[in-house]
Amino acid sequence: METDSATGYPASLAVDYPERPLSRLTTFFRPITILPIALVLSTVDGAVWSGLWARNPGMQPNSVMYVSVGAGGLLVLGPFLMILFRRKYPRPWFDWNLALLRFSTRVGAYALLLTDQYPSTDSDQAVHVELRYPDNPNRWLPIVKWLLAVPHYIILFFLHIGMVVSAIIAWFAILITGRYPRPLFDYVVGVQRWTIRVFAYAVLLATDSYPPFRLSV
């Protein structure tokens, strides 16, 4: 298995191609089976709020009390400010972002039928995401990274359309043959790989290396 790390880029994604037949049953019901782990992901991918009608003593009738039932999300503004003023990406923040990126990528791979292993919250399984820790990040580059990445946004918009179409075709192929067609598999993984590179560069600020315009490693 070759990853981007082997070729020098600081952000990498590799997904093991399933050599065994994929489960037709879980593939058919994938929109349903993914719901529990998607709910778990939503609780750590950002705050979830629910309104409760409070009738506790001392509170006005029918007043609303909001309770947070989720927390977390990717850390972006904090690392941006630390890099800008201290040229430092706090390691615990980096580790959190990497762990959340790995988890969300596993859920995405399951949704795209790349694997029929139910996504783990902490184990890589067949989906391998790596980010190289930035020891000495550029102080000013994060200010313009979002703008420099605009060409990637435009290309990825069309690539993601193709990825959705490929996943739909693969859904039928798996139900009929039990196999994910290898060209479609490589394309979908390639789009995800490209997306992670751009995400690591422009959003997570985990690298100053400009993402390459390619699907391959």
C-alpha atoms as a PDB file:
ATOM      1  CA  MET A   1       0.000   0.000   0.000  1.00  0.00           C
ATOM      2  CA  GLU A   2       1.494   3.324  -1.120  1.00  0.00           C
ATOM      3  CA  THR A   3       0.395   6.532   0.554  1.00  0.00           C
ATOM      4  CA  ASP A   4       1.024  10.194  -0.143  1.00  0.00           C
ATOM      5  CA  SER A   5       3.496  10.175   2.734  1.00  0.00           C
ATOM      6  CA  ALA A   6       5.748   7.930   0.665  1.00  0.00           C
ATOM      7  CA  THR A   7       5.749  10.468  -2.176  1.00  0.00           C
ATOM      8  CA  GLY A   8       6.340  13.463   0.063  1.00  0.00           C
ATOM      9  CA  TYR A   9       2.948  15.190   0.438  1.00  0.00           C
ATOM     10  CA  PRO A  10       2.052  15.844   4.105  1.00  0.00           C
ATOM     11  CA  ALA A  11      -1.596  14.699   3.816  1.00  0.00           C
ATOM     12  CA  SER A  12      -2.428  11.171   2.695  1.00  0.00           C
ATOM     13  CA  LEU A  13      -5.364   8.852   2.182  1.00  0.00           C
ATOM     14  CA  ALA A  14      -5.348   5.186   1.256  1.00  0.00           C
ATOM     15  CA  VAL A  15      -8.284   2.776   1.270  1.00  0.00           C
ATOM     16  CA  ASP A  16      -7.727  -0.973   1.052  1.00  0.00           C
ATOM     17  CA  TYR A  17      -9.506  -2.431  -1.964  1.00  0.00           C
ATOM     18  CA  PRO A  18     -11.877  -5.181  -0.744  1.00  0.00           C
ATOM     19  CA  GLU A  19     -10.570  -8.446  -2.186  1.00  0.00           C
ATOM     20  CA  ARG A  20     -13.511 -10.415  -0.798  1.00  0.00           C
ATOM     21  CA  PRO A  21     -17.096 -10.015  -2.025  1.00  0.00           C
ATOM     22  CA  LEU A  22     -18.900  -7.136  -0.345  1.00  0.00           C
ATOM     23  CA  SER A  23     -22.111  -7.708   1.567  1.00  0.00           C
ATOM     24  CA  ARG A  24     -25.094  -7.219  -0.745  1.00  0.00           C
ATOM     25  CA  LEU A  25     -27.454  -6.962   2.224  1.00  0.00           C
ATOM     26  CA  THR A  26     -25.684  -4.112   4.036  1.00  0.00           C
ATOM     27  CA  THR A  27     -25.006  -2.417   0.694  1.00  0.00           C
ATOM     28  CA  PHE A  28     -28.696  -2.421  -0.166  1.00  0.00           C
ATOM     29  CA  PHE A  29     -29.620  -0.980   3.231  1.00  0.00           C
ATOM     30  CA  ARG A  30     -26.634   1.368   3.489  1.00  0.00           C
ATOM     31  CA  PRO A  31     -28.797   4.542   3.749  1.00  0.00           C
ATOM     32  CA  ILE A  32     -30.330   2.989   6.874  1.00  0.00           C
ATOM     33  CA  THR A  33     -27.370   1.174   8.434  1.00  0.00           C
ATOM     34  CA  ILE A  34     -25.250   4.318   8.356  1.00  0.00           C
ATOM     35  CA  LEU A  35     -27.688   6.315  10.479  1.00  0.00           C
ATOM     36  CA  PRO A  36     -26.436   5.243  13.960  1.00  0.00           C
ATOM     37  CA  ILE A  37     -22.764   6.032  13.267  1.00  0.00           C
ATOM     38  CA  ALA A  38     -23.742   9.231  11.449  1.00  0.00           C
ATOM     39  CA  LEU A  39     -25.584  10.278  14.613  1.00  0.00           C
ATOM     40  CA  VAL A  40     -22.486   9.531  16.685  1.00  0.00           C
ATOM     41  CA  LEU A  41     -20.382  11.587  14.270  1.00  0.00           C
ATOM     42  CA  SER A  42     -22.796  14.508  14.517  1.00  0.00           C
ATOM     43  CA  THR A  43     -22.320  14.652  18.297  1.00  0.00           C
ATOM     44  CA  VAL A  44     -18.564  15.266  17.955  1.00  0.00           C
ATOM     45  CA  ASP A  45     -18.583  17.150  14.657  1.00  0.00           C
ATOM     46  CA  GLY A  46     -20.284  20.205  16.142  1.00  0.00           C
ATOM     47  CA  ALA A  47     -22.723  21.346  18.809  1.00  0.00           C
ATOM     48  CA  VAL A  48     -26.282  19.970  18.769  1.00  0.00           C
ATOM     49  CA  TRP A  49     -28.926  21.911  20.677  1.00  0.00           C
ATOM     50  CA  SER A  50     -32.413  20.980  21.798  1.00  0.00           C
ATOM     51  CA  GLY A  51     -35.017  23.299  23.292  1.00  0.00           C
ATOM     52  CA  LEU A  52     -36.842  22.207  26.435  1.00  0.00           C
ATOM     53  CA  TRP A  53     -39.983  23.839  27.804  1.00  0.00           C
ATOM     54  CA  ALA A  54     -38.915  24.672  31.339  1.00  0.00           C
ATOM     55  CA  ARG A  55     -41.447  24.628  34.169  1.00  0.00           C
ATOM     56  CA  ASN A  56     -39.006  24.576  37.036  1.00  0.00           C
ATOM     57  CA  PRO A  57     -39.811  26.632  40.137  1.00  0.00           C
ATOM     58  CA  GLY A  58     -38.692  30.229  39.780  1.00  0.00           C
ATOM     59  CA  MET A  59     -38.797  30.188  35.964  1.00  0.00           C
ATOM     60  CA  GLN A  60     -41.409  31.792  33.781  1.00  0.00           C
ATOM     61  CA  PRO A  61     -43.995  29.365  32.343  1.00  0.00           C
ATOM     62  CA  ASN A  62     -43.278  28.240  28.792  1.00  0.00           C
ATOM     63  CA  SER A  63     -39.785  29.751  28.900  1.00  0.00           C
ATOM     64  CA  VAL A  64     -37.218  27.929  26.784  1.00  0.00           C
ATOM     65  CA  MET A  65     -34.035  26.448  28.194  1.00  0.00           C
ATOM     66  CA  TYR A  66     -31.432  25.230  25.683  1.00  0.00           C
ATOM     67  CA  VAL A  67     -29.245  22.280  26.556  1.00  0.00           C
ATOM     68  CA  SER A  68     -26.184  21.208  24.579  1.00  0.00           C
ATOM     69  CA  VAL A  69     -26.179  17.495  23.776  1.00  0.00           C
ATOM     70  CA  GLY A  70     -23.100  17.551  21.560  1.00  0.00           C
ATOM     71  CA  ALA A  71     -19.794  19.340  21.300  1.00  0.00           C
ATOM     72  CA  GLY A  72     -16.517  19.426  19.468  1.00  0.00           C
ATOM     73  CA  GLY A  73     -16.045  20.022  15.782  1.00  0.00           C
ATOM     74  CA  LEU A  74     -12.850  20.749  13.890  1.00  0.00           C
ATOM     75  CA  LEU A  75     -10.626  23.402  15.390  1.00  0.00           C
ATOM     76  CA  VAL A  76      -9.887  26.084  12.782  1.00  0.00           C
ATOM     77  CA  LEU A  77      -9.888  29.590  14.266  1.00  0.00           C
ATOM     78  CA  GLY A  78      -7.771  28.629  17.264  1.00  0.00           C
ATOM     79  CA  PRO A  79      -4.951  27.080  15.190  1.00  0.00           C
ATOM     80  CA  PHE A  80      -5.174  30.035  12.785  1.00  0.00           C
ATOM     81  CA  LEU A  81      -4.582  32.534  15.593  1.00  0.00           C
ATOM     82  CA  MET A  82      -1.798  30.462  17.148  1.00  0.00           C
ATOM     83  CA  ILE A  83       0.016  30.137  13.822  1.00  0.00           C
ATOM     84  CA  LEU A  84      -0.449  33.839  13.120  1.00  0.00           C
ATOM     85  CA  PHE A  85       0.872  35.072  16.472  1.00  0.00           C
ATOM     86  CA  ARG A  86       3.041  32.197  17.732  1.00  0.00           C
ATOM     87  CA  ARG A  87       3.935  30.212  14.588  1.00  0.00           C
ATOM     88  CA  LYS A  88       2.773  27.161  16.488  1.00  0.00           C
ATOM     89  CA  TYR A  89       0.073  24.534  15.935  1.00  0.00           C
ATOM     90  CA  PRO A  90      -0.722  23.162  19.413  1.00  0.00           C
ATOM     91  CA  ARG A  91      -0.164  19.429  19.237  1.00  0.00           C
ATOM     92  CA  PRO A  92      -3.322  18.428  21.186  1.00  0.00           C
ATOM     93  CA  TRP A  93      -5.433  20.503  18.777  1.00  0.00           C
ATOM     94  CA  PHE A  94      -3.691  18.886  15.802  1.00  0.00           C
ATOM     95  CA  ASP A  95      -4.270  15.395  17.243  1.00  0.00           C
ATOM     96  CA  TRP A  96      -7.965  16.171  17.795  1.00  0.00           C
ATOM     97  CA  ASN A  97      -8.418  17.407  14.222  1.00  0.00           C
ATOM     98  CA  LEU A  98      -6.607  14.371  12.839  1.00  0.00           C
ATOM     99  CA  ALA A  99      -8.685  11.940  14.923  1.00  0.00           C
ATOM    100  CA  LEU A 100     -11.932  13.611  13.867  1.00  0.00           C
ATOM    101  CA  LEU A 101     -10.830  13.702  10.225  1.00  0.00           C
ATOM    102  CA  ARG A 102     -10.033   9.991  10.338  1.00  0.00           C
ATOM    103  CA  PHE A 103     -13.390   9.162  11.916  1.00  0.00           C
ATOM    104  CA  SER A 104     -15.401  11.265   9.459  1.00  0.00           C
ATOM    105  CA  THR A 105     -13.439   9.785   6.529  1.00  0.00           C
ATOM    106  CA  ARG A 106     -14.256   6.250   7.696  1.00  0.00           C
ATOM    107  CA  VAL A 107     -17.940   7.177   7.848  1.00  0.00           C
ATOM    108  CA  GLY A 108     -17.677   8.747   4.384  1.00  0.00           C
ATOM    109  CA  ALA A 109     -15.969   5.649   2.973  1.00  0.00           C
ATOM    110  CA  TYR A 110     -18.767   3.495   4.390  1.00  0.00           C
ATOM    111  CA  ALA A 111     -21.379   5.806   2.867  1.00  0.00           C
ATOM    112  CA  LEU A 112     -19.645   5.619  -0.513  1.00  0.00           C
ATOM    113  CA  LEU A 113     -19.610   1.789  -0.313  1.00  0.00           C
ATOM    114  CA  LEU A 114     -15.796   1.614  -0.358  1.00  0.00           C
ATOM    115  CA  THR A 115     -15.981  -0.798   2.570  1.00  0.00           C
ATOM    116  CA  ASP A 116     -18.670  -2.797   4.317  1.00  0.00           C
ATOM    117  CA  GLN A 117     -16.842  -2.690   7.659  1.00  0.00           C
ATOM    118  CA  TYR A 118     -18.969  -0.701  10.056  1.00  0.00           C
ATOM    119  CA  PRO A 119     -17.005   2.473  10.897  1.00  0.00           C
ATOM    120  CA  SER A 120     -15.011   2.339  14.103  1.00  0.00           C
ATOM    121  CA  THR A 121     -14.662   5.407  16.301  1.00  0.00           C
ATOM    122  CA  ASP A 122     -10.951   4.795  16.915  1.00  0.00           C
ATOM    123  CA  SER A 123      -9.531   2.088  14.608  1.00  0.00           C
ATOM    124  CA  ASP A 124      -8.291   2.790  11.062  1.00  0.00           C
ATOM    125  CA  GLN A 125      -9.801  -0.411   9.634  1.00  0.00           C
ATOM    126  CA  ALA A 126      -9.454  -0.215   5.812  1.00  0.00           C
ATOM    127  CA  VAL A 127      -9.248   3.594   5.678  1.00  0.00           C
ATOM    128  CA  HIS A 128      -5.869   5.190   6.351  1.00  0.00           C
ATOM    129  CA  VAL A 129      -5.564   8.961   6.796  1.00  0.00           C
ATOM    130  CA  GLU A 130      -2.276  10.597   7.750  1.00  0.00           C
ATOM    131  CA  LEU A 131      -1.277  14.215   8.348  1.00  0.00           C
ATOM    132  CA  ARG A 132       2.297  15.267   8.985  1.00  0.00           C
ATOM    133  CA  TYR A 133       2.573  17.573  11.992  1.00  0.00           C
ATOM    134  CA  PRO A 134       3.667  21.102  10.935  1.00  0.00           C
ATOM    135  CA  ASP A 135       6.741  21.905  13.040  1.00  0.00           C
ATOM    136  CA  ASN A 136       7.380  25.414  11.717  1.00  0.00           C
ATOM    137  CA  PRO A 137       4.302  26.747   9.888  1.00  0.00           C
ATOM    138  CA  ASN A 138       4.394  29.953   7.847  1.00  0.00           C
ATOM    139  CA  ARG A 139       2.957  32.826   9.865  1.00  0.00           C
ATOM    140  CA  TRP A 140       1.185  34.709   7.054  1.00  0.00           C
ATOM    141  CA  LEU A 141       0.188  32.007   4.577  1.00  0.00           C
ATOM    142  CA  PRO A 142      -2.993  30.944   6.476  1.00  0.00           C
ATOM    143  CA  ILE A 143      -4.470  34.381   5.735  1.00  0.00           C
ATOM    144  CA  VAL A 144      -4.610  33.660   1.990  1.00  0.00           C
ATOM    145  CA  LYS A 145      -4.786  29.862   1.828  1.00  0.00           C
ATOM    146  CA  TRP A 146      -8.551  29.858   1.320  1.00  0.00           C
ATOM    147  CA  LEU A 147      -8.085  32.127  -1.693  1.00  0.00           C
ATOM    148  CA  LEU A 148      -5.146  30.216  -3.147  1.00  0.00           C
ATOM    149  CA  ALA A 149      -7.221  27.036  -3.020  1.00  0.00           C
ATOM    150  CA  VAL A 150     -10.056  28.442  -5.192  1.00  0.00           C
ATOM    151  CA  PRO A 151      -8.932  26.540  -8.335  1.00  0.00           C
ATOM    152  CA  HIS A 152      -9.172  23.320  -6.334  1.00  0.00           C
ATOM    153  CA  TYR A 153     -12.697  24.188  -5.139  1.00  0.00           C
ATOM    154  CA  ILE A 154     -13.877  24.587  -8.735  1.00  0.00           C
ATOM    155  CA  ILE A 155     -12.345  21.321  -9.926  1.00  0.00           C
ATOM    156  CA  LEU A 156     -13.534  19.403  -6.867  1.00  0.00           C
ATOM    157  CA  PHE A 157     -17.103  20.584  -7.445  1.00  0.00           C
ATOM    158  CA  PHE A 158     -17.224  18.655 -10.713  1.00  0.00           C
ATOM    159  CA  LEU A 159     -15.175  15.744  -9.378  1.00  0.00           C
ATOM    160  CA  HIS A 160     -17.660  15.296  -6.525  1.00  0.00           C
ATOM    161  CA  ILE A 161     -20.535  15.102  -8.993  1.00  0.00           C
ATOM    162  CA  GLY A 162     -18.673  12.304 -10.740  1.00  0.00           C
ATOM    163  CA  MET A 163     -18.008  10.668  -7.382  1.00  0.00           C
ATOM    164  CA  VAL A 164     -21.718  10.542  -6.520  1.00  0.00           C
ATOM    165  CA  VAL A 165     -22.539   9.080  -9.925  1.00  0.00           C
ATOM    166  CA  SER A 166     -19.758   6.505  -9.487  1.00  0.00           C
ATOM    167  CA  ALA A 167     -21.085   5.476  -6.072  1.00  0.00           C
ATOM    168  CA  ILE A 168     -24.580   4.964  -7.497  1.00  0.00           C
ATOM    169  CA  ILE A 169     -23.205   2.799 -10.321  1.00  0.00           C
ATOM    170  CA  ALA A 170     -21.109   0.878  -7.781  1.00  0.00           C
ATOM    171  CA  TRP A 171     -24.224   0.281  -5.650  1.00  0.00           C
ATOM    172  CA  PHE A 172     -25.861  -1.592  -8.522  1.00  0.00           C
ATOM    173  CA  ALA A 173     -22.624  -3.397  -9.380  1.00  0.00           C
ATOM    174  CA  ILE A 174     -22.196  -4.657  -5.805  1.00  0.00           C
ATOM    175  CA  LEU A 175     -25.802  -5.869  -5.646  1.00  0.00           C
ATOM    176  CA  ILE A 176     -25.281  -7.827  -8.884  1.00  0.00           C
ATOM    177  CA  THR A 177     -21.676  -9.032  -8.635  1.00  0.00           C
ATOM    178  CA  GLY A 178     -20.646  -8.407  -5.020  1.00  0.00           C
ATOM    179  CA  ARG A 179     -17.683  -6.361  -6.268  1.00  0.00           C
ATOM    180  CA  TYR A 180     -16.858  -2.659  -6.399  1.00  0.00           C
ATOM    181  CA  PRO A 181     -15.527  -2.046  -9.954  1.00  0.00           C
ATOM    182  CA  ARG A 182     -11.845  -1.216  -9.484  1.00  0.00           C
ATOM    183  CA  PRO A 183     -11.770   1.837 -11.823  1.00  0.00           C
ATOM    184  CA  LEU A 184     -14.723   3.375  -9.974  1.00  0.00           C
ATOM    185  CA  PHE A 185     -13.144   2.508  -6.624  1.00  0.00           C
ATOM    186  CA  ASP A 186      -9.873   4.204  -7.566  1.00  0.00           C
ATOM    187  CA  TYR A 187     -11.724   7.270  -8.828  1.00  0.00           C
ATOM    188  CA  VAL A 188     -13.825   7.687  -5.674  1.00  0.00           C
ATOM    189  CA  VAL A 189     -10.795   7.209  -3.426  1.00  0.00           C
ATOM    190  CA  GLY A 190      -8.855   9.651  -5.608  1.00  0.00           C
ATOM    191  CA  VAL A 191     -11.499  12.352  -5.205  1.00  0.00           C
ATOM    192  CA  GLN A 192     -11.527  11.810  -1.451  1.00  0.00           C
ATOM    193  CA  ARG A 193      -7.723  11.956  -1.412  1.00  0.00           C
ATOM    194  CA  TRP A 194      -7.707  15.229  -3.358  1.00  0.00           C
ATOM    195  CA  THR A 195     -10.361  16.643  -1.032  1.00  0.00           C
ATOM    196  CA  ILE A 196      -8.376  15.755   2.091  1.00  0.00           C
ATOM    197  CA  ARG A 197      -5.243  17.406   0.678  1.00  0.00           C
ATOM    198  CA  VAL A 198      -7.118  20.644   0.001  1.00  0.00           C
ATOM    199  CA  PHE A 199      -8.905  20.424   3.352  1.00  0.00           C
ATOM    200  CA  ALA A 200      -5.610  19.933   5.208  1.00  0.00           C
ATOM    201  CA  TYR A 201      -4.115  22.918   3.383  1.00  0.00           C
ATOM    202  CA  ALA A 202      -6.928  25.492   3.373  1.00  0.00           C
ATOM    203  CA  VAL A 203      -9.092  24.579   6.391  1.00  0.00           C
ATOM    204  CA  LEU A 204      -7.075  22.611   8.930  1.00  0.00           C
ATOM    205  CA  LEU A 205      -3.930  24.645   8.120  1.00  0.00           C
ATOM    206  CA  ALA A 206      -1.923  21.469   8.730  1.00  0.00           C
ATOM    207  CA  THR A 207       0.474  22.018   5.816  1.00  0.00           C
ATOM    208  CA  ASP A 208       1.935  24.857   3.778  1.00  0.00           C
ATOM    209  CA  SER A 209       2.592  22.638   0.754  1.00  0.00           C
ATOM    210  CA  TYR A 210       0.211  23.520  -2.074  1.00  0.00           C
ATOM    211  CA  PRO A 211      -1.985  20.511  -2.961  1.00  0.00           C
ATOM    212  CA  PRO A 212      -1.172  18.755  -6.246  1.00  0.00           C
ATOM    213  CA  PHE A 213      -3.789  18.610  -9.014  1.00  0.00           C
ATOM    214  CA  ARG A 214      -4.112  14.831  -9.181  1.00  0.00           C
ATOM    215  CA  LEU A 215      -6.227  11.944  -7.964  1.00  0.00           C
ATOM    216  CA  SER A 216      -3.341   9.522  -7.507  1.00  0.00           C
ATOM    217  CA  VAL A 217      -0.823   9.375  -4.663  1.00  0.00           C
END
